[in-house]
């Protein structure tokens, strides 16, 4: 296991303050606020620690309310909404400086047999044939060195490989609003199903709005041609998976309007099983000229 992954797992290992109250720390991000995937992952950890281990998470729905302060702790309060025979529901509010910055609702379910079908896995090259995140970023002479270093530091715990050029690698002309990324953790994880769901949640916020930028030929914050932030985030966990094995993140944007952009995605295991569906809307604004 890489040191960066150990550090990330330590970051996600919340301190229990009271029965249903937890405290988390933050780490540096590619933007000067708490990374949204970190808050979502920590909130899911808090919820999961109040649920029996035989009830894995099957969905989450979240709103980003305020930018998080990376220099201050985050307090997560869990509300035990319902404990049914098959389903358990939790609500989590993340608070900093006395104000809520994030709200999560998560649902957990005991395993059941049932109807089974799925959308087919899209075609994609083998991840081993693609350049690593570090190899791509080191080759972009148009990015400031400090931007490259912030990207590399923020994503060091994850082996993330774009199938095509990311928005900040090739921009200026609109492209198809579709992006594919292979990812896995940089090291093996234990077998706790919640841990794998939490790590996938963490990574899911890294690239989902890329397809919005591609549709308009924008490079994103890294080149300063848009400003943005996540607004809401939803995930459905369909089938078991491991976050330390290759997952294909197939992303597209069906709409951008009113200063907002929508991204939707499916995450497949390397052997073709549909593991997760993700939808996110974010603020995507073109900076005003002085």
Protein backbone atom coordinates (compact mmCIF):
# COMPACT_ATOMS: atom_id res chain seq x y z
CA UNK A 1 0.00 0.00 0.00
CA UNK A 2 1.34 3.45 -0.91
CA UNK A 3 1.93 6.02 1.81
CA UNK A 4 -0.55 8.32 0.09
CA UNK A 5 -3.27 5.66 0.34
CA UNK A 6 -2.44 5.04 4.01
CA UNK A 7 -2.77 8.78 4.61
CA UNK A 8 -6.13 8.85 2.82
CA UNK A 9 -7.46 5.91 4.85
CA UNK A 10 -6.33 7.68 8.01
CA UNK A 11 -8.18 10.80 6.84
CA UNK A 12 -11.37 8.77 6.40
CA UNK A 13 -11.05 7.10 9.82
CA UNK A 14 -13.25 9.54 11.74
CA UNK A 15 -12.98 10.25 15.45
CA UNK A 16 -16.12 9.32 17.38
CA UNK A 17 -17.07 12.17 19.72
CA UNK A 18 -20.45 10.91 20.91
CA UNK A 19 -22.74 8.01 19.97
CA UNK A 20 -23.76 9.52 16.62
CA UNK A 21 -21.31 12.43 16.31
CA UNK A 22 -17.97 12.18 14.52
CA UNK A 23 -15.11 14.53 13.72
CA UNK A 24 -12.98 14.57 10.59
CA UNK A 25 -9.91 16.37 9.33
CA UNK A 26 -9.15 17.70 5.85
CA UNK A 27 -6.29 17.52 3.39
CA UNK A 28 -5.03 19.82 0.65
CA UNK A 29 -7.09 19.85 -2.54
CA UNK A 30 -6.63 21.12 -6.08
CA UNK A 31 -8.80 24.13 -5.17
CA UNK A 32 -8.60 26.28 -1.99
CA UNK A 33 -11.49 24.54 -0.24
CA UNK A 34 -12.24 21.06 1.09
CA UNK A 35 -12.51 18.54 -1.76
CA UNK A 36 -16.17 17.56 -2.14
CA UNK A 37 -15.36 13.86 -2.53
CA UNK A 38 -13.65 13.93 0.86
CA UNK A 39 -16.70 15.38 2.62
CA UNK A 40 -19.03 12.92 0.90
CA UNK A 41 -16.79 9.97 1.77
CA UNK A 42 -16.40 11.03 5.40
CA UNK A 43 -20.16 11.54 5.74
CA UNK A 44 -20.75 8.05 4.37
CA UNK A 45 -18.24 6.65 6.87
CA UNK A 46 -20.16 8.37 9.67
CA UNK A 47 -23.47 6.96 8.45
CA UNK A 48 -22.05 3.48 7.91
CA UNK A 49 -20.67 3.27 11.43
CA UNK A 50 -24.24 3.41 12.79
CA UNK A 51 -25.50 0.58 10.55
CA UNK A 52 -25.09 -3.20 10.98
CA UNK A 53 -22.25 -4.63 8.87
CA UNK A 54 -24.63 -6.96 6.99
CA UNK A 55 -26.42 -3.96 5.43
CA UNK A 56 -24.19 -2.46 2.71
CA UNK A 57 -24.89 0.98 1.28
CA UNK A 58 -27.03 0.96 -1.85
CA UNK A 59 -27.51 4.70 -2.47
CA UNK A 60 -26.63 8.20 -1.35
CA UNK A 61 -28.00 11.64 -2.16
CA UNK A 62 -26.09 14.74 -1.11
CA UNK A 63 -26.01 18.53 -1.32
CA UNK A 64 -22.93 20.72 -1.05
CA UNK A 65 -24.13 23.77 0.87
CA UNK A 66 -21.03 25.86 1.60
CA UNK A 67 -17.33 25.67 0.75
CA UNK A 68 -15.43 23.73 3.40
CA UNK A 69 -12.52 25.27 5.28
CA UNK A 70 -9.52 22.91 4.94
CA UNK A 71 -7.95 24.39 8.09
CA UNK A 72 -10.81 23.50 10.42
CA UNK A 73 -12.25 20.16 11.62
CA UNK A 74 -15.60 18.97 10.27
CA UNK A 75 -18.23 17.62 12.66
CA UNK A 76 -20.61 14.98 11.28
CA UNK A 77 -23.92 14.41 13.08
CA UNK A 78 -25.87 11.27 12.17
CA UNK A 79 -29.66 11.11 12.41
CA UNK A 80 -31.03 7.54 12.56
CA UNK A 81 -34.05 8.10 10.32
CA UNK A 82 -35.23 4.49 10.02
CA UNK A 83 -34.23 0.94 10.84
CA UNK A 84 -36.54 -1.39 8.93
CA UNK A 85 -36.51 -5.13 8.33
CA UNK A 86 -34.64 -4.73 5.03
CA UNK A 87 -33.60 -1.09 4.73
CA UNK A 88 -31.80 1.36 7.00
CA UNK A 89 -31.79 5.11 6.35
CA UNK A 90 -29.40 7.68 7.75
CA UNK A 91 -29.12 11.45 7.42
CA UNK A 92 -25.78 13.18 8.03
CA UNK A 93 -25.08 16.90 8.40
CA UNK A 94 -21.49 18.16 8.18
CA UNK A 95 -20.84 21.35 10.17
CA UNK A 96 -17.96 23.84 10.27
CA UNK A 97 -17.83 27.11 12.21
CA UNK A 98 -21.39 26.50 13.43
CA UNK A 99 -22.89 26.22 9.93
CA UNK A 100 -23.84 23.21 7.78
CA UNK A 101 -21.59 22.77 4.75
CA UNK A 102 -22.91 19.42 3.48
CA UNK A 103 -25.99 17.22 3.80
CA UNK A 104 -26.15 13.50 3.02
CA UNK A 105 -28.94 10.93 2.99
CA UNK A 106 -27.82 7.32 2.64
CA UNK A 107 -29.71 4.05 2.45
CA UNK A 108 -28.46 0.58 3.35
CA UNK A 109 -30.05 -2.81 2.57
CA UNK A 110 -29.70 -6.44 3.54
CA UNK A 111 -28.80 -8.71 0.62
CA UNK A 112 -31.77 -10.05 -1.37
CA UNK A 113 -32.22 -12.26 -4.43
CA UNK A 114 -34.19 -10.59 -7.23
CA UNK A 115 -34.50 -9.62 -10.88
CA UNK A 116 -31.17 -8.95 -12.55
CA UNK A 117 -30.21 -7.08 -15.71
CA UNK A 118 -27.76 -4.33 -16.60
CA UNK A 119 -26.63 -1.99 -19.36
CA UNK A 120 -23.64 -3.37 -21.28
CA UNK A 121 -20.16 -2.11 -20.55
CA UNK A 122 -18.91 0.40 -23.16
CA UNK A 123 -15.74 -0.36 -25.07
CA UNK A 124 -12.53 1.07 -23.63
CA UNK A 125 -8.81 0.35 -23.98
CA UNK A 126 -7.01 -1.70 -21.37
CA UNK A 127 -5.92 0.56 -18.49
CA UNK A 128 -2.40 -0.87 -18.63
CA UNK A 129 -2.04 0.61 -22.13
CA UNK A 130 -2.81 4.17 -20.97
CA UNK A 131 -0.42 6.78 -19.56
CA UNK A 132 -0.53 7.32 -15.81
CA UNK A 133 -1.84 10.54 -14.35
CA UNK A 134 1.73 11.60 -13.57
CA UNK A 135 2.93 10.86 -17.11
CA UNK A 136 0.13 12.95 -18.61
CA UNK A 137 0.51 15.89 -16.25
CA UNK A 138 4.31 16.07 -16.57
CA UNK A 139 3.83 16.43 -20.33
CA UNK A 140 1.61 19.53 -20.18
CA UNK A 141 3.92 22.49 -20.64
CA UNK A 142 0.98 24.92 -20.66
CA UNK A 143 0.11 24.16 -17.03
CA UNK A 144 1.89 26.06 -14.28
CA UNK A 145 4.22 23.80 -12.24
CA UNK A 146 2.30 24.54 -9.04
CA UNK A 147 -0.95 23.41 -10.72
CA UNK A 148 0.64 20.13 -11.78
CA UNK A 149 1.99 19.54 -8.27
CA UNK A 150 -1.40 20.21 -6.68
CA UNK A 151 -3.05 17.74 -9.05
CA UNK A 152 -0.44 15.08 -8.36
CA UNK A 153 -0.60 15.53 -4.59
CA UNK A 154 -4.42 15.47 -4.48
CA UNK A 155 -4.62 12.28 -6.58
CA UNK A 156 -1.56 10.44 -5.30
CA UNK A 157 -3.61 7.77 -3.49
CA UNK A 158 -5.41 6.80 -6.71
CA UNK A 159 -4.13 5.40 -10.01
CA UNK A 160 -6.33 7.43 -12.38
CA UNK A 161 -5.92 7.06 -16.15
CA UNK A 162 -7.81 9.05 -18.79
CA UNK A 163 -8.70 7.24 -22.00
CA UNK A 164 -8.49 10.53 -23.96
CA UNK A 165 -7.03 13.94 -23.17
CA UNK A 166 -8.64 15.54 -20.09
CA UNK A 167 -10.18 19.02 -20.46
CA UNK A 168 -7.08 20.79 -19.16
CA UNK A 169 -4.85 18.82 -21.54
CA UNK A 170 -6.57 19.80 -24.78
CA UNK A 171 -8.98 22.73 -24.90
CA UNK A 172 -10.17 25.58 -27.11
CA UNK A 173 -12.43 23.52 -29.39
CA UNK A 174 -15.65 21.74 -28.31
CA UNK A 175 -15.48 17.96 -28.13
CA UNK A 176 -18.03 15.23 -27.56
CA UNK A 177 -19.38 15.59 -23.99
CA UNK A 178 -18.08 12.16 -23.04
CA UNK A 179 -15.11 11.12 -20.93
CA UNK A 180 -13.72 7.79 -19.75
CA UNK A 181 -11.37 7.23 -16.83
CA UNK A 182 -10.00 4.02 -15.35
CA UNK A 183 -9.22 4.16 -11.63
CA UNK A 184 -8.18 2.05 -8.66
CA UNK A 185 -6.50 2.76 -5.35
CA UNK A 186 -2.69 2.73 -5.24
CA UNK A 187 -2.58 -0.32 -3.01
CA UNK A 188 -4.72 -3.16 -1.71
CA UNK A 189 -7.58 -2.59 0.71
CA UNK A 190 -9.10 -4.94 3.25
CA UNK A 191 -12.40 -6.69 2.55
CA UNK A 192 -14.77 -4.28 4.34
CA UNK A 193 -17.48 -3.50 1.73
CA UNK A 194 -18.12 -0.05 3.25
CA UNK A 195 -14.47 0.91 2.70
CA UNK A 196 -14.68 0.15 -1.04
CA UNK A 197 -17.92 2.12 -1.39
CA UNK A 198 -16.38 5.04 0.51
CA UNK A 199 -13.26 5.08 -1.71
CA UNK A 200 -15.38 4.99 -4.87
CA UNK A 201 -17.41 7.89 -3.47
CA UNK A 202 -14.20 9.83 -2.86
CA UNK A 203 -12.97 9.33 -6.44
CA UNK A 204 -16.36 9.92 -8.05
CA UNK A 205 -16.14 13.69 -7.46
CA UNK A 206 -12.77 14.08 -9.20
CA UNK A 207 -13.76 13.96 -12.88
CA UNK A 208 -17.55 13.81 -13.28
CA UNK A 209 -18.00 17.34 -14.61
CA UNK A 210 -15.20 16.93 -17.18
CA UNK A 211 -17.74 16.12 -19.87
CA UNK A 212 -19.46 19.49 -19.30
CA UNK A 213 -16.14 21.24 -19.99
CA UNK A 214 -15.43 19.11 -23.06
CA UNK A 215 -18.72 20.13 -24.68
CA UNK A 216 -17.59 23.76 -24.64
CA UNK A 217 -13.86 23.40 -25.21
CA UNK A 218 -13.06 24.59 -21.69
CA UNK A 219 -10.02 23.51 -19.72
CA UNK A 220 -11.41 24.18 -16.25
CA UNK A 221 -9.95 25.83 -13.17
CA UNK A 222 -6.45 24.59 -14.08
CA UNK A 223 -6.31 27.04 -16.99
CA UNK A 224 -8.72 29.60 -15.51
CA UNK A 225 -11.41 29.56 -18.18
CA UNK A 226 -14.25 28.46 -15.86
CA UNK A 227 -15.08 28.62 -12.18
CA UNK A 228 -17.24 25.98 -10.58
CA UNK A 229 -18.20 23.81 -7.65
CA UNK A 230 -20.30 20.72 -6.99
CA UNK A 231 -23.92 21.36 -6.06
CA UNK A 232 -25.42 17.93 -5.52
CA UNK A 233 -24.31 14.34 -5.93
CA UNK A 234 -26.14 11.02 -6.10
CA UNK A 235 -24.84 7.45 -6.31
CA UNK A 236 -26.47 4.02 -6.57
CA UNK A 237 -24.37 0.98 -5.71
CA UNK A 238 -25.76 -1.90 -7.78
CA UNK A 239 -23.30 -4.76 -7.37
CA UNK A 240 -20.29 -5.59 -5.19
CA UNK A 241 -16.94 -4.26 -6.40
CA UNK A 242 -13.45 -3.54 -5.13
CA UNK A 243 -12.00 -0.04 -5.30
CA UNK A 244 -8.48 -1.54 -5.42
CA UNK A 245 -9.27 -3.23 -8.76
CA UNK A 246 -9.74 -1.39 -12.06
CA UNK A 247 -13.06 0.41 -12.49
CA UNK A 248 -14.15 2.15 -15.70
CA UNK A 249 -15.80 5.54 -15.06
CA UNK A 250 -17.83 6.29 -18.21
CA UNK A 251 -19.09 9.89 -17.99
CA UNK A 252 -21.23 12.18 -20.12
CA UNK A 253 -23.08 15.49 -19.89
CA UNK A 254 -26.64 15.69 -21.23
CA UNK A 255 -27.14 19.37 -20.34
CA UNK A 256 -25.59 22.67 -19.29
CA UNK A 257 -27.77 25.73 -18.69
CA UNK A 258 -28.23 28.62 -16.29
CA UNK A 259 -24.70 28.48 -14.90
CA UNK A 260 -25.06 24.78 -14.07
CA UNK A 261 -23.80 21.63 -15.76
CA UNK A 262 -25.02 18.06 -15.33
CA UNK A 263 -22.81 14.99 -15.41
CA UNK A 264 -24.00 11.39 -15.34
CA UNK A 265 -21.92 8.23 -15.35
CA UNK A 266 -21.76 4.48 -15.00
CA UNK A 267 -18.93 2.65 -13.29
CA UNK A 268 -18.15 -0.88 -14.48
CA UNK A 269 -15.74 -3.46 -13.13
CA UNK A 270 -13.05 -4.62 -15.54
CA UNK A 271 -14.96 -7.84 -16.19
CA UNK A 272 -18.07 -5.88 -17.26
CA UNK A 273 -20.37 -5.76 -14.22
CA UNK A 274 -22.28 -2.51 -13.72
CA UNK A 275 -21.27 -1.51 -10.19
CA UNK A 276 -22.37 2.12 -9.72
CA UNK A 277 -24.45 4.86 -11.31
CA UNK A 278 -23.51 8.47 -10.53
CA UNK A 279 -25.22 11.81 -11.25
CA UNK A 280 -23.92 15.22 -10.27
CA UNK A 281 -24.80 18.84 -11.01
CA UNK A 282 -22.34 21.64 -10.49
CA UNK A 283 -21.92 25.36 -10.92
CA UNK A 284 -20.01 25.97 -14.16
CA UNK A 285 -19.51 29.65 -14.90
CA UNK A 286 -17.39 31.53 -17.42
CA UNK A 287 -15.36 34.21 -15.56
CA UNK A 288 -16.45 37.76 -16.25
CA UNK A 289 -14.00 39.87 -18.17
CA UNK A 290 -12.75 42.99 -16.30
